[in-house]
């Protein structure tokens, strides 16, 4: 998905709800700081409240940007996030740990550099142990986000360690797909309907979520 399509999706989501929406803008959709800044400005124009910028290059042979360039990219993003008519909360991501570079020291140094460059929130996906999480939190002066991975400490323990925000990535969608596979397997293999127990528990919530707003009318021909 390119920048234009991603921002269009984000704008539609932001317009559909009454809470702030942040976008995953990957690596800013470009290598150079100017492109990253343009992306962040477009995030604000789209009505989004925040975005994240990664230091992952998307190149298999060299997956992480040079530390100096990575900091320049965040500095350009921060200037765009805070200097325009549509302020944006900027999350800077250090991607070492999920791209086969288990170097906590370098990850912390990068997060510190991104803090100095103006990031509002710091994020190093792949942190799993309380010791590593505490090391990161104690090394920076910005809110720290943790990705809830399998084996990650429970949220109350993350909170006690000083974590400010927890995200789940695509895990909820994967959990839904896993339950779909279970239900389909049950129906095919045994011909039974135990999955209806789960359907009944959430059906009212789904109906409310997809109900037409008061006064709205839909074209029945679609």
C-alpha atoms as a PDB file:
ATOM      1  CA  UNK A   1       0.000   0.000   0.000  1.00  0.00           C
ATOM      2  CA  UNK A   2       1.379   3.393  -0.972  1.00  0.00           C
ATOM      3  CA  UNK A   3       1.233   6.651   0.939  1.00  0.00           C
ATOM      4  CA  UNK A   4      -1.817   8.086  -0.808  1.00  0.00           C
ATOM      5  CA  UNK A   5      -3.927   4.994  -0.229  1.00  0.00           C
ATOM      6  CA  UNK A   6      -2.799   4.599   3.381  1.00  0.00           C
ATOM      7  CA  UNK A   7      -3.618   8.214   4.199  1.00  0.00           C
ATOM      8  CA  UNK A   8      -6.975   7.962   2.451  1.00  0.00           C
ATOM      9  CA  UNK A   9      -7.848   4.960   4.610  1.00  0.00           C
ATOM     10  CA  UNK A  10      -6.665   6.822   7.701  1.00  0.00           C
ATOM     11  CA  UNK A  11      -8.745   9.884   6.882  1.00  0.00           C
ATOM     12  CA  UNK A  12     -11.863   7.741   6.486  1.00  0.00           C
ATOM     13  CA  UNK A  13     -11.270   6.025   9.807  1.00  0.00           C
ATOM     14  CA  UNK A  14     -10.634   9.305  11.611  1.00  0.00           C
ATOM     15  CA  UNK A  15     -13.858  10.756  10.212  1.00  0.00           C
ATOM     16  CA  UNK A  16     -15.865   7.705  11.302  1.00  0.00           C
ATOM     17  CA  UNK A  17     -15.091   7.777  15.042  1.00  0.00           C
ATOM     18  CA  UNK A  18     -15.027  10.240  17.921  1.00  0.00           C
ATOM     19  CA  UNK A  19     -11.632   9.269  19.348  1.00  0.00           C
ATOM     20  CA  UNK A  20      -8.131  10.160  18.105  1.00  0.00           C
ATOM     21  CA  UNK A  21      -6.757   7.891  15.372  1.00  0.00           C
ATOM     22  CA  UNK A  22      -3.040   7.326  14.764  1.00  0.00           C
ATOM     23  CA  UNK A  23      -1.596   5.890  11.562  1.00  0.00           C
ATOM     24  CA  UNK A  24       1.239   3.452  10.990  1.00  0.00           C
ATOM     25  CA  UNK A  25       3.177   5.328   8.326  1.00  0.00           C
ATOM     26  CA  UNK A  26       5.890   2.655   8.099  1.00  0.00           C
ATOM     27  CA  UNK A  27       9.232   4.285   7.251  1.00  0.00           C
ATOM     28  CA  UNK A  28       7.552   7.531   6.221  1.00  0.00           C
ATOM     29  CA  UNK A  29       7.154   6.088   2.717  1.00  0.00           C
ATOM     30  CA  UNK A  30      10.654   7.152   1.748  1.00  0.00           C
ATOM     31  CA  UNK A  31      14.292   7.139   2.758  1.00  0.00           C
ATOM     32  CA  UNK A  32      15.129  10.828   2.794  1.00  0.00           C
ATOM     33  CA  UNK A  33      14.070  13.189   5.610  1.00  0.00           C
ATOM     34  CA  UNK A  34      12.172  15.483   3.238  1.00  0.00           C
ATOM     35  CA  UNK A  35       9.851  12.684   2.146  1.00  0.00           C
ATOM     36  CA  UNK A  36       9.272  11.638   5.749  1.00  0.00           C
ATOM     37  CA  UNK A  37       8.364  15.232   6.672  1.00  0.00           C
ATOM     38  CA  UNK A  38       5.938  15.433   3.745  1.00  0.00           C
ATOM     39  CA  UNK A  39       4.263  12.239   4.960  1.00  0.00           C
ATOM     40  CA  UNK A  40       3.836  13.558   8.491  1.00  0.00           C
ATOM     41  CA  UNK A  41       2.354  16.826   7.237  1.00  0.00           C
ATOM     42  CA  UNK A  42      -0.097  14.823   5.134  1.00  0.00           C
ATOM     43  CA  UNK A  43      -1.059  12.852   8.247  1.00  0.00           C
ATOM     44  CA  UNK A  44      -2.157  16.050   9.957  1.00  0.00           C
ATOM     45  CA  UNK A  45      -4.033  17.261   6.895  1.00  0.00           C
ATOM     46  CA  UNK A  46      -5.880  13.924   6.775  1.00  0.00           C
ATOM     47  CA  UNK A  47      -7.308  14.582  10.241  1.00  0.00           C
ATOM     48  CA  UNK A  48      -5.218  11.944  11.990  1.00  0.00           C
ATOM     49  CA  UNK A  49      -3.968  12.628  15.503  1.00  0.00           C
ATOM     50  CA  UNK A  50      -0.672  10.789  15.306  1.00  0.00           C
ATOM     51  CA  UNK A  51       1.645   8.569  13.322  1.00  0.00           C
ATOM     52  CA  UNK A  52       4.701   6.370  13.717  1.00  0.00           C
ATOM     53  CA  UNK A  53       7.940   6.404  11.737  1.00  0.00           C
ATOM     54  CA  UNK A  54      10.201   3.344  11.658  1.00  0.00           C
ATOM     55  CA  UNK A  55      13.952   3.058  11.139  1.00  0.00           C
ATOM     56  CA  UNK A  56      13.407  -0.136   9.093  1.00  0.00           C
ATOM     57  CA  UNK A  57      14.646   0.345   5.519  1.00  0.00           C
ATOM     58  CA  UNK A  58      12.692  -2.546   3.953  1.00  0.00           C
ATOM     59  CA  UNK A  59      15.933  -3.812   2.414  1.00  0.00           C
ATOM     60  CA  UNK A  60      16.893  -7.381   3.267  1.00  0.00           C
ATOM     61  CA  UNK A  61      20.626  -6.713   2.976  1.00  0.00           C
ATOM     62  CA  UNK A  62      20.583  -3.592   5.179  1.00  0.00           C
ATOM     63  CA  UNK A  63      17.347  -3.520   7.202  1.00  0.00           C
ATOM     64  CA  UNK A  64      18.054  -0.649   9.621  1.00  0.00           C
ATOM     65  CA  UNK A  65      18.918   2.925   8.669  1.00  0.00           C
ATOM     66  CA  UNK A  66      22.281   4.320   9.726  1.00  0.00           C
ATOM     67  CA  UNK A  67      21.813   5.855  13.168  1.00  0.00           C
ATOM     68  CA  UNK A  68      22.682   9.370  11.990  1.00  0.00           C
ATOM     69  CA  UNK A  69      20.279   9.286   9.060  1.00  0.00           C
ATOM     70  CA  UNK A  70      17.601   7.706  11.246  1.00  0.00           C
ATOM     71  CA  UNK A  71      17.839  10.612  13.699  1.00  0.00           C
ATOM     72  CA  UNK A  72      17.709  13.142  10.856  1.00  0.00           C
ATOM     73  CA  UNK A  73      14.555  11.482   9.583  1.00  0.00           C
ATOM     74  CA  UNK A  74      12.900  11.772  13.004  1.00  0.00           C
ATOM     75  CA  UNK A  75      14.014  15.393  13.348  1.00  0.00           C
ATOM     76  CA  UNK A  76      12.379  16.237  10.017  1.00  0.00           C
ATOM     77  CA  UNK A  77       9.260  14.326  11.033  1.00  0.00           C
ATOM     78  CA  UNK A  78       9.099  16.128  14.384  1.00  0.00           C
ATOM     79  CA  UNK A  79       9.402  19.537  12.765  1.00  0.00           C
ATOM     80  CA  UNK A  80       6.514  18.664  10.458  1.00  0.00           C
ATOM     81  CA  UNK A  81       4.479  17.152  13.295  1.00  0.00           C
ATOM     82  CA  UNK A  82       4.790  20.142  15.603  1.00  0.00           C
ATOM     83  CA  UNK A  83       5.237  23.098  13.283  1.00  0.00           C
ATOM     84  CA  UNK A  84       2.182  23.030  11.074  1.00  0.00           C
ATOM     85  CA  UNK A  85      -1.494  23.914  11.452  1.00  0.00           C
ATOM     86  CA  UNK A  86      -2.415  20.298  12.288  1.00  0.00           C
ATOM     87  CA  UNK A  87      -0.293  19.050  15.228  1.00  0.00           C
ATOM     88  CA  UNK A  88       0.547  15.356  15.171  1.00  0.00           C
ATOM     89  CA  UNK A  89       1.790  13.074  17.968  1.00  0.00           C
ATOM     90  CA  UNK A  90       4.952  11.491  16.570  1.00  0.00           C
ATOM     91  CA  UNK A  91       6.016   7.998  17.607  1.00  0.00           C
ATOM     92  CA  UNK A  92       9.586   7.011  16.691  1.00  0.00           C
ATOM     93  CA  UNK A  93      10.207   3.304  16.273  1.00  0.00           C
ATOM     94  CA  UNK A  94      13.525   1.478  16.709  1.00  0.00           C
ATOM     95  CA  UNK A  95      13.136  -1.757  14.756  1.00  0.00           C
ATOM     96  CA  UNK A  96      16.325  -3.651  15.692  1.00  0.00           C
ATOM     97  CA  UNK A  97      14.699  -6.312  17.828  1.00  0.00           C
ATOM     98  CA  UNK A  98      12.238  -7.570  15.215  1.00  0.00           C
ATOM     99  CA  UNK A  99      14.770  -7.603  12.385  1.00  0.00           C
ATOM    100  CA  UNK A 100      17.395  -9.991  13.747  1.00  0.00           C
ATOM    101  CA  UNK A 101      19.461  -7.329  15.500  1.00  0.00           C
ATOM    102  CA  UNK A 102      19.021  -8.152  19.196  1.00  0.00           C
ATOM    103  CA  UNK A 103      21.184  -5.262  20.343  1.00  0.00           C
ATOM    104  CA  UNK A 104      19.439  -3.614  23.296  1.00  0.00           C
ATOM    105  CA  UNK A 105      22.241  -1.086  23.745  1.00  0.00           C
ATOM    106  CA  UNK A 106      21.926   0.166  20.179  1.00  0.00           C
ATOM    107  CA  UNK A 107      18.137   0.189  20.480  1.00  0.00           C
ATOM    108  CA  UNK A 108      18.330   2.385  23.582  1.00  0.00           C
ATOM    109  CA  UNK A 109      20.871   4.692  21.946  1.00  0.00           C
ATOM    110  CA  UNK A 110      18.554   5.087  18.960  1.00  0.00           C
ATOM    111  CA  UNK A 111      15.539   5.834  21.138  1.00  0.00           C
ATOM    112  CA  UNK A 112      17.560   8.450  23.016  1.00  0.00           C
ATOM    113  CA  UNK A 113      18.571  10.037  19.708  1.00  0.00           C
ATOM    114  CA  UNK A 114      14.946  10.058  18.532  1.00  0.00           C
ATOM    115  CA  UNK A 115      13.925  11.689  21.796  1.00  0.00           C
ATOM    116  CA  UNK A 116      16.477  14.442  21.248  1.00  0.00           C
ATOM    117  CA  UNK A 117      15.247  14.773  17.663  1.00  0.00           C
ATOM    118  CA  UNK A 118      11.761  15.641  18.936  1.00  0.00           C
ATOM    119  CA  UNK A 119       9.735  12.422  19.037  1.00  0.00           C
ATOM    120  CA  UNK A 120       6.751  12.454  21.402  1.00  0.00           C
ATOM    121  CA  UNK A 121       6.550   8.677  22.004  1.00  0.00           C
ATOM    122  CA  UNK A 122       9.248   5.990  21.757  1.00  0.00           C
ATOM    123  CA  UNK A 123       8.660   2.437  20.587  1.00  0.00           C
ATOM    124  CA  UNK A 124      10.952  -0.583  20.245  1.00  0.00           C
ATOM    125  CA  UNK A 125       8.769  -3.497  19.127  1.00  0.00           C
ATOM    126  CA  UNK A 126      10.180  -6.821  20.249  1.00  0.00           C
ATOM    127  CA  UNK A 127      10.818  -6.029  23.906  1.00  0.00           C
ATOM    128  CA  UNK A 128       9.645  -9.025  25.933  1.00  0.00           C
ATOM    129  CA  UNK A 129      11.263  -9.130  29.379  1.00  0.00           C
ATOM    130  CA  UNK A 130      10.584  -6.780  32.265  1.00  0.00           C
ATOM    131  CA  UNK A 131      14.321  -6.257  32.672  1.00  0.00           C
ATOM    132  CA  UNK A 132      14.714  -5.004  29.104  1.00  0.00           C
ATOM    133  CA  UNK A 133      11.545  -2.932  29.294  1.00  0.00           C
ATOM    134  CA  UNK A 134      12.681  -1.280  32.532  1.00  0.00           C
ATOM    135  CA  UNK A 135      16.080  -0.604  30.966  1.00  0.00           C
ATOM    136  CA  UNK A 136      14.430   1.236  28.090  1.00  0.00           C
ATOM    137  CA  UNK A 137      11.958   3.176  30.232  1.00  0.00           C
ATOM    138  CA  UNK A 138      14.684   4.305  32.644  1.00  0.00           C
ATOM    139  CA  UNK A 139      16.922   5.455  29.789  1.00  0.00           C
ATOM    140  CA  UNK A 140      14.537   7.936  28.160  1.00  0.00           C
ATOM    141  CA  UNK A 141      12.291  10.821  29.157  1.00  0.00           C
ATOM    142  CA  UNK A 142       9.418  10.200  26.756  1.00  0.00           C
ATOM    143  CA  UNK A 143       6.436   7.849  27.004  1.00  0.00           C
ATOM    144  CA  UNK A 144       7.362   4.315  25.941  1.00  0.00           C
ATOM    145  CA  UNK A 145       5.099   2.046  23.901  1.00  0.00           C
ATOM    146  CA  UNK A 146       5.354  -1.747  24.148  1.00  0.00           C
ATOM    147  CA  UNK A 147       3.999  -4.237  21.639  1.00  0.00           C
ATOM    148  CA  UNK A 148       1.980  -6.985  23.342  1.00  0.00           C
ATOM    149  CA  UNK A 149       3.657 -10.124  22.020  1.00  0.00           C
ATOM    150  CA  UNK A 150       3.264 -13.714  23.140  1.00  0.00           C
ATOM    151  CA  UNK A 151       5.287 -14.071  26.335  1.00  0.00           C
ATOM    152  CA  UNK A 152       5.211 -10.342  27.071  1.00  0.00           C
ATOM    153  CA  UNK A 153       4.445  -9.392  30.711  1.00  0.00           C
ATOM    154  CA  UNK A 154       0.771  -8.663  31.497  1.00  0.00           C
ATOM    155  CA  UNK A 155      -0.405  -5.065  31.205  1.00  0.00           C
ATOM    156  CA  UNK A 156      -0.409  -4.392  34.989  1.00  0.00           C
ATOM    157  CA  UNK A 157       3.258  -5.393  35.131  1.00  0.00           C
ATOM    158  CA  UNK A 158       4.038  -3.211  32.133  1.00  0.00           C
ATOM    159  CA  UNK A 159       2.338  -0.302  33.872  1.00  0.00           C
ATOM    160  CA  UNK A 160       4.357  -0.884  37.029  1.00  0.00           C
ATOM    161  CA  UNK A 161       7.508  -0.831  34.895  1.00  0.00           C
ATOM    162  CA  UNK A 162       6.586   2.632  33.612  1.00  0.00           C
ATOM    163  CA  UNK A 163       5.194   1.723  30.191  1.00  0.00           C
ATOM    164  CA  UNK A 164       2.802   4.423  28.976  1.00  0.00           C
ATOM    165  CA  UNK A 165       1.122   2.709  26.036  1.00  0.00           C
ATOM    166  CA  UNK A 166       0.480  -0.856  24.869  1.00  0.00           C
ATOM    167  CA  UNK A 167      -0.338  -1.805  21.282  1.00  0.00           C
ATOM    168  CA  UNK A 168      -1.305  -5.127  19.732  1.00  0.00           C
ATOM    169  CA  UNK A 169      -0.333  -4.728  16.079  1.00  0.00           C
ATOM    170  CA  UNK A 170      -2.345  -7.167  13.982  1.00  0.00           C
ATOM    171  CA  UNK A 171      -2.836  -9.668  16.804  1.00  0.00           C
ATOM    172  CA  UNK A 172      -6.581  -9.104  17.263  1.00  0.00           C
ATOM    173  CA  UNK A 173      -7.191  -9.768  13.566  1.00  0.00           C
ATOM    174  CA  UNK A 174      -5.079 -12.940  13.778  1.00  0.00           C
ATOM    175  CA  UNK A 175      -7.045 -14.043  16.846  1.00  0.00           C
ATOM    176  CA  UNK A 176     -10.281 -13.554  14.918  1.00  0.00           C
ATOM    177  CA  UNK A 177      -8.930 -15.564  11.974  1.00  0.00           C
ATOM    178  CA  UNK A 178      -7.819 -18.312  14.350  1.00  0.00           C
ATOM    179  CA  UNK A 179     -11.350 -18.605  15.758  1.00  0.00           C
ATOM    180  CA  UNK A 180     -12.745 -18.636  12.217  1.00  0.00           C
ATOM    181  CA  UNK A 181     -10.483 -21.572  11.342  1.00  0.00           C
ATOM    182  CA  UNK A 182     -11.592 -23.403  14.498  1.00  0.00           C
ATOM    183  CA  UNK A 183     -15.263 -22.877  13.687  1.00  0.00           C
ATOM    184  CA  UNK A 184     -14.872 -23.955  10.062  1.00  0.00           C
ATOM    185  CA  UNK A 185     -12.874 -27.019  11.116  1.00  0.00           C
ATOM    186  CA  UNK A 186     -15.534 -28.026  13.636  1.00  0.00           C
ATOM    187  CA  UNK A 187     -18.303 -27.711  11.063  1.00  0.00           C
ATOM    188  CA  UNK A 188     -16.382 -29.642   8.405  1.00  0.00           C
ATOM    189  CA  UNK A 189     -14.947 -32.364  10.653  1.00  0.00           C
ATOM    190  CA  UNK A 190     -17.805 -32.974  13.077  1.00  0.00           C
ATOM    191  CA  UNK A 191     -20.774 -31.167  11.614  1.00  0.00           C
ATOM    192  CA  UNK A 192     -21.489 -29.493  14.972  1.00  0.00           C
ATOM    193  CA  UNK A 193     -22.182 -25.900  15.924  1.00  0.00           C
ATOM    194  CA  UNK A 194     -20.304 -25.195  19.137  1.00  0.00           C
ATOM    195  CA  UNK A 195     -19.019 -21.967  17.608  1.00  0.00           C
ATOM    196  CA  UNK A 196     -22.530 -20.509  17.952  1.00  0.00           C
ATOM    197  CA  UNK A 197     -21.803 -20.053  21.671  1.00  0.00           C
ATOM    198  CA  UNK A 198     -19.234 -17.395  20.775  1.00  0.00           C
ATOM    199  CA  UNK A 199     -21.454 -15.856  18.102  1.00  0.00           C
ATOM    200  CA  UNK A 200     -24.313 -15.345  20.522  1.00  0.00           C
ATOM    201  CA  UNK A 201     -22.042 -13.619  23.025  1.00  0.00           C
ATOM    202  CA  UNK A 202     -20.903 -10.943  20.575  1.00  0.00           C
ATOM    203  CA  UNK A 203     -23.824 -10.639  18.161  1.00  0.00           C
ATOM    204  CA  UNK A 204     -25.415  -7.650  19.892  1.00  0.00           C
ATOM    205  CA  UNK A 205     -22.089  -5.812  20.003  1.00  0.00           C
ATOM    206  CA  UNK A 206     -21.577  -6.383  16.288  1.00  0.00           C
ATOM    207  CA  UNK A 207     -25.080  -5.212  15.460  1.00  0.00           C
ATOM    208  CA  UNK A 208     -24.543  -1.987  17.400  1.00  0.00           C
ATOM    209  CA  UNK A 209     -21.175  -1.417  15.768  1.00  0.00           C
ATOM    210  CA  UNK A 210     -22.601  -1.709  12.267  1.00  0.00           C
ATOM    211  CA  UNK A 211     -25.965  -0.074  12.916  1.00  0.00           C
ATOM    212  CA  UNK A 212     -26.875   2.901  10.779  1.00  0.00           C
ATOM    213  CA  UNK A 213     -26.539   6.230  12.623  1.00  0.00           C
ATOM    214  CA  UNK A 214     -29.813   7.805  13.659  1.00  0.00           C
ATOM    215  CA  UNK A 215     -31.511   9.285  10.611  1.00  0.00           C
ATOM    216  CA  UNK A 216     -29.167   7.607   8.129  1.00  0.00           C
ATOM    217  CA  UNK A 217     -30.540   5.701   5.194  1.00  0.00           C
ATOM    218  CA  UNK A 218     -28.768   3.196   3.003  1.00  0.00           C
ATOM    219  CA  UNK A 219     -29.254   2.516  -0.682  1.00  0.00           C
ATOM    220  CA  UNK A 220     -30.848  -0.938  -0.671  1.00  0.00           C
ATOM    221  CA  UNK A 221     -29.705  -1.542  -4.239  1.00  0.00           C
ATOM    222  CA  UNK A 222     -26.072  -1.878  -3.117  1.00  0.00           C
END
